[in-house]
Protein backbone atom coordinates (compact mmCIF):
# COMPACT_ATOMS: atom_id res chain seq x y z
CA GLU A 1 -168.69 -95.29 111.41
CA ARG A 2 -171.01 -94.79 108.45
CA VAL A 3 -169.43 -91.40 107.75
CA ARG A 4 -165.91 -92.81 107.73
CA ARG A 5 -164.15 -94.70 104.96
CA THR A 6 -166.19 -92.88 102.34
CA VAL A 7 -163.34 -92.70 99.82
CA LYS A 8 -164.14 -95.75 97.71
CA LEU A 9 -162.17 -96.28 94.52
CA LYS A 10 -162.55 -99.37 92.36
CA ARG A 11 -158.77 -99.90 92.63
CA PHE A 12 -155.59 -98.11 93.52
CA LEU A 13 -154.43 -95.83 90.72
CA THR A 14 -151.18 -95.93 88.76
CA PRO A 15 -149.24 -93.22 86.89
CA ASP A 16 -150.76 -94.52 83.64
CA ASP A 17 -154.21 -93.42 84.85
CA PHE A 18 -153.07 -89.81 84.50
CA LYS A 19 -151.62 -90.01 81.00
CA VAL A 20 -153.49 -87.84 78.50
CA LYS A 21 -153.56 -89.33 75.00
CA ALA A 22 -152.87 -86.88 72.17
CA SER A 23 -154.16 -86.90 68.61
CA LYS A 24 -150.58 -87.15 67.34
CA ASP A 25 -147.29 -88.59 68.54
CA THR A 26 -145.02 -85.53 68.64
CA GLY A 27 -145.02 -81.74 68.42
CA LYS A 28 -147.76 -79.73 70.11
CA VAL A 29 -151.55 -79.79 70.29
CA LYS A 30 -154.03 -77.06 71.19
CA VAL A 31 -155.71 -77.86 74.47
CA ARG A 32 -158.41 -76.28 76.63
CA VAL A 33 -156.82 -75.12 79.89
CA ILE A 34 -158.58 -74.01 83.07
CA ARG A 35 -157.05 -70.81 84.42
CA VAL A 36 -157.67 -70.18 88.10
CA ILE A 37 -157.90 -66.58 89.28
CA GLU A 38 -156.46 -65.82 92.69
CA GLY A 39 -159.15 -64.74 95.15
CA LYS A 40 -162.04 -65.55 92.81
CA ALA A 41 -164.36 -68.50 92.20
CA LEU A 42 -164.53 -67.79 88.47
CA THR A 43 -162.09 -69.42 86.08
CA GLU A 44 -161.07 -68.57 82.53
CA ALA A 45 -161.19 -70.94 79.56
CA LEU A 46 -157.87 -70.77 77.73
CA VAL A 47 -156.62 -72.57 74.64
CA GLU A 48 -152.89 -73.22 74.76
CA PRO A 49 -150.40 -75.32 72.78
CA LEU A 50 -148.97 -78.08 74.96
CA PRO A 51 -146.10 -80.41 74.11
CA VAL A 52 -146.66 -84.02 73.08
CA LYS A 53 -144.21 -86.75 74.06
CA ASP A 54 -144.58 -90.35 72.88
CA GLY A 55 -148.21 -89.70 72.01
CA PHE A 56 -149.21 -88.14 75.33
CA ILE A 57 -149.87 -84.49 76.22
CA THR A 58 -147.52 -83.18 78.90
CA PRO A 59 -147.87 -80.21 81.27
CA GLY A 60 -146.30 -76.91 80.29
CA VAL A 61 -144.53 -76.48 83.61
CA GLU A 62 -142.44 -73.54 82.43
CA ASP A 63 -145.68 -71.72 81.57
CA GLY A 64 -147.40 -72.62 84.83
CA VAL A 65 -149.60 -75.37 83.37
CA ALA A 66 -150.19 -78.52 85.44
CA LYS A 67 -152.37 -81.59 85.01
CA VAL A 68 -155.66 -81.82 86.86
CA ALA A 69 -157.82 -84.89 87.42
CA VAL A 70 -161.12 -85.56 89.14
CA VAL A 71 -161.59 -89.12 90.38
CA GLU A 72 -165.05 -90.43 91.29
CA ARG A 73 -164.58 -91.53 94.90
CA HIS A 74 -168.00 -92.75 96.04
CA GLY A 75 -167.65 -96.30 94.71
CA LEU A 76 -169.98 -95.77 91.76
CA THR A 77 -168.50 -95.34 88.27
CA GLY A 78 -164.78 -95.11 88.96
CA GLY A 79 -164.60 -92.38 86.34
CA ILE A 80 -161.54 -90.16 85.94
CA GLY A 81 -161.71 -86.79 84.19
CA LEU A 82 -158.39 -85.44 82.93
CA GLY A 83 -157.40 -81.91 81.98
CA PHE A 84 -154.93 -79.09 82.48
CA VAL A 85 -154.94 -76.08 84.79
CA LYS A 86 -152.95 -72.86 84.89
CA GLY A 87 -152.37 -70.51 87.79
CA PHE A 88 -151.21 -72.68 90.68
CA ASN A 89 -147.65 -72.51 89.30
CA LEU A 90 -146.57 -75.90 90.61
CA LYS A 91 -143.03 -76.76 89.58
CA MET A 92 -142.94 -80.29 91.01
CA GLY A 93 -145.02 -82.91 92.81
CA ALA A 94 -148.79 -83.05 93.25
CA VAL A 95 -151.56 -81.97 95.61
CA ALA A 96 -154.90 -83.70 96.12
CA SER A 97 -158.10 -83.21 98.09
CA THR A 98 -161.35 -85.01 98.87
CA VAL A 99 -162.96 -81.60 99.39
CA ALA A 100 -164.20 -80.77 95.89
CA HIS A 101 -167.51 -78.94 95.72
CA ASP A 102 -170.23 -80.04 95.29
CA SER A 103 -169.97 -83.74 94.53
CA HIS A 104 -166.84 -83.98 96.68
CA ASN A 105 -165.03 -86.34 94.39
CA LEU A 106 -161.25 -86.49 94.63
CA VAL A 107 -159.39 -83.70 92.82
CA VAL A 108 -155.64 -83.79 92.17
CA VAL A 109 -153.33 -81.23 90.57
CA GLY A 110 -149.75 -82.08 89.65
CA VAL A 111 -146.88 -82.10 87.21
CA ASN A 112 -145.76 -85.68 87.86
CA ASP A 113 -148.01 -88.68 87.16
CA GLY A 114 -146.36 -90.82 89.83
CA ASP A 115 -146.89 -88.18 92.49
CA MET A 116 -150.50 -87.72 91.40
CA ALA A 117 -151.15 -91.45 91.80
CA ALA A 118 -149.36 -91.52 95.16
CA ALA A 119 -151.41 -88.57 96.44
CA VAL A 120 -154.71 -90.15 95.43
CA ASN A 121 -153.85 -93.57 96.84
CA ARG A 122 -152.73 -92.14 100.17
CA LEU A 123 -156.00 -90.26 100.58
CA VAL A 124 -157.88 -93.48 99.86
CA GLU A 125 -155.92 -95.22 102.62
CA LEU A 126 -156.63 -92.38 105.06
CA GLY A 127 -160.31 -92.04 104.20
CA GLY A 128 -159.93 -88.47 102.99
CA GLY A 129 -157.99 -85.28 103.40
CA ILE A 130 -155.77 -82.77 101.63
CA ILE A 131 -152.24 -83.83 100.76
CA ALA A 132 -149.05 -82.64 99.09
CA VAL A 133 -146.65 -85.21 97.62
CA TYR A 134 -143.14 -85.03 96.17
CA ASN A 135 -141.12 -88.03 94.97
CA SER A 136 -144.04 -90.21 96.12
CA LYS A 137 -143.54 -89.02 99.70
CA THR A 138 -146.06 -87.04 101.75
CA ILE A 139 -144.71 -83.57 102.55
CA GLY A 140 -147.94 -82.01 103.83
CA LEU A 141 -151.19 -83.52 105.07
CA VAL A 142 -154.50 -82.63 106.70
CA GLU A 143 -156.46 -85.79 107.45
CA LEU A 144 -160.23 -85.52 106.95
CA PRO A 145 -161.59 -88.95 107.89
CA VAL A 146 -165.19 -87.83 108.50
CA ALA A 147 -166.87 -88.13 105.09
CA GLY A 148 -163.57 -87.06 103.57
CA LEU A 149 -164.55 -83.51 104.56
CA MET A 150 -163.92 -83.02 108.28
CA SER A 151 -161.19 -83.64 110.82
CA ASP A 152 -161.74 -85.35 114.16
CA LYS A 153 -158.68 -83.74 115.77
CA ASP A 154 -158.44 -80.77 118.12
CA PRO A 155 -158.53 -77.38 116.37
CA GLU A 156 -154.99 -76.57 117.49
CA VAL A 157 -153.69 -79.70 115.79
CA VAL A 158 -155.59 -78.97 112.58
CA VAL A 159 -154.20 -75.42 112.46
CA LYS A 160 -150.65 -76.79 112.57
CA GLU A 161 -151.48 -79.34 109.86
CA VAL A 162 -152.90 -76.62 107.62
CA GLU A 163 -149.85 -74.43 108.17
CA GLY A 164 -147.62 -77.37 107.22
CA LEU A 165 -149.69 -78.01 104.12
CA GLU A 166 -149.49 -74.37 103.06
CA GLU A 167 -145.70 -74.54 103.41
CA ALA A 168 -145.68 -77.71 101.29
CA TRP A 169 -147.65 -75.93 98.55
CA ARG A 170 -145.03 -73.17 98.53
CA ASN A 171 -142.20 -75.71 98.44
CA LEU A 172 -143.78 -77.24 95.33
CA GLY A 173 -143.71 -73.82 93.69
CA SER A 174 -147.24 -72.52 94.21
CA THR A 175 -147.45 -68.76 94.54
CA VAL A 176 -151.19 -68.27 95.09
CA ALA A 177 -152.98 -67.51 98.35
CA SER A 178 -155.56 -70.03 99.63
CA PRO A 179 -154.78 -72.68 96.99
CA PHE A 180 -157.01 -75.20 98.80
CA MET A 181 -160.14 -73.18 98.03
CA LEU A 182 -159.19 -72.64 94.40
CA MET A 183 -158.57 -76.36 93.98
CA SER A 184 -161.81 -77.36 95.73
CA LEU A 185 -163.82 -75.26 93.26
CA LEU A 186 -162.27 -76.72 90.10
CA ALA A 187 -164.90 -79.46 90.06
CA LEU A 188 -167.95 -77.21 90.57
CA PRO A 189 -169.64 -77.20 87.14
CA VAL A 190 -172.11 -74.39 87.80
CA ILE A 191 -169.69 -71.44 87.96
CA PRO A 192 -168.16 -70.02 84.77
CA LYS A 193 -166.19 -70.68 82.87
CA LEU A 194 -164.29 -73.95 82.53
CA ARG A 195 -164.48 -76.75 85.10
CA ILE A 196 -163.59 -80.41 85.35
CA THR A 197 -165.60 -83.37 86.66
CA ASP A 198 -165.11 -87.13 86.68
CA LYS A 199 -166.81 -87.08 83.27
CA GLY A 200 -164.41 -84.53 81.76
CA LEU A 201 -164.27 -80.81 81.04
CA VAL A 202 -167.40 -78.69 81.43
CA LEU A 203 -167.83 -75.31 79.74
CA VAL A 204 -170.21 -73.13 81.76
CA GLU A 205 -171.84 -70.26 79.86
CA PRO A 206 -174.98 -68.12 80.38
CA GLU A 207 -177.03 -70.44 78.17
CA GLY A 208 -176.00 -73.51 80.13
CA ALA A 209 -173.24 -76.03 80.79
CA LYS A 210 -171.93 -78.70 78.43
CA LEU A 211 -169.15 -81.27 78.25
CA VAL A 212 -166.37 -80.25 75.86
CA SER A 213 -163.35 -81.99 74.40
CA LEU A 214 -159.86 -81.44 75.77
CA GLU A 215 -158.21 -80.89 72.40
CA VAL A 216 -159.44 -78.08 70.18
């Protein structure tokens, strides 16, 4: 029982937790964007102009840019790191996972703040897993109740769950192979070049790693 119920947030999250405050109220701002590369652990560090609405930075869905957040899930700080990611090509909804190397915090990628909150909160209720959400409804799920990392179901059942989750990714617009692995590595701040943790964006270069601002 000690290895169950390990997803411990200070509170359930709301859509407001995923709003990204901009330095101005309208127009566009230049933002650091993580670009995932299909089939590779490395990412690229982009700088792209993203639209601002009512003082908040919004995803550039038409350009394949989604929001990404890492939520501390071990009951310690409750920190939430916010950023943007390109390459998953989500057109709607959100996906989230408690498999996020190496700290295994909770990572969520989405284009809708409500769906991002719903995905995170559902994984908290389940004690971990990988989930796809659209219109606040679960459309794909692999439950991982053991430390938020492992299933306790028969392999045949897990295979069907994974297949359903892969279909859900595609239904949300994703075009990449093995999106789970790409997402799980977003929070690993030891591999170049741009990563995200519960403390924010981390730029990883040969001389070392450092926290960097979202806006440039």
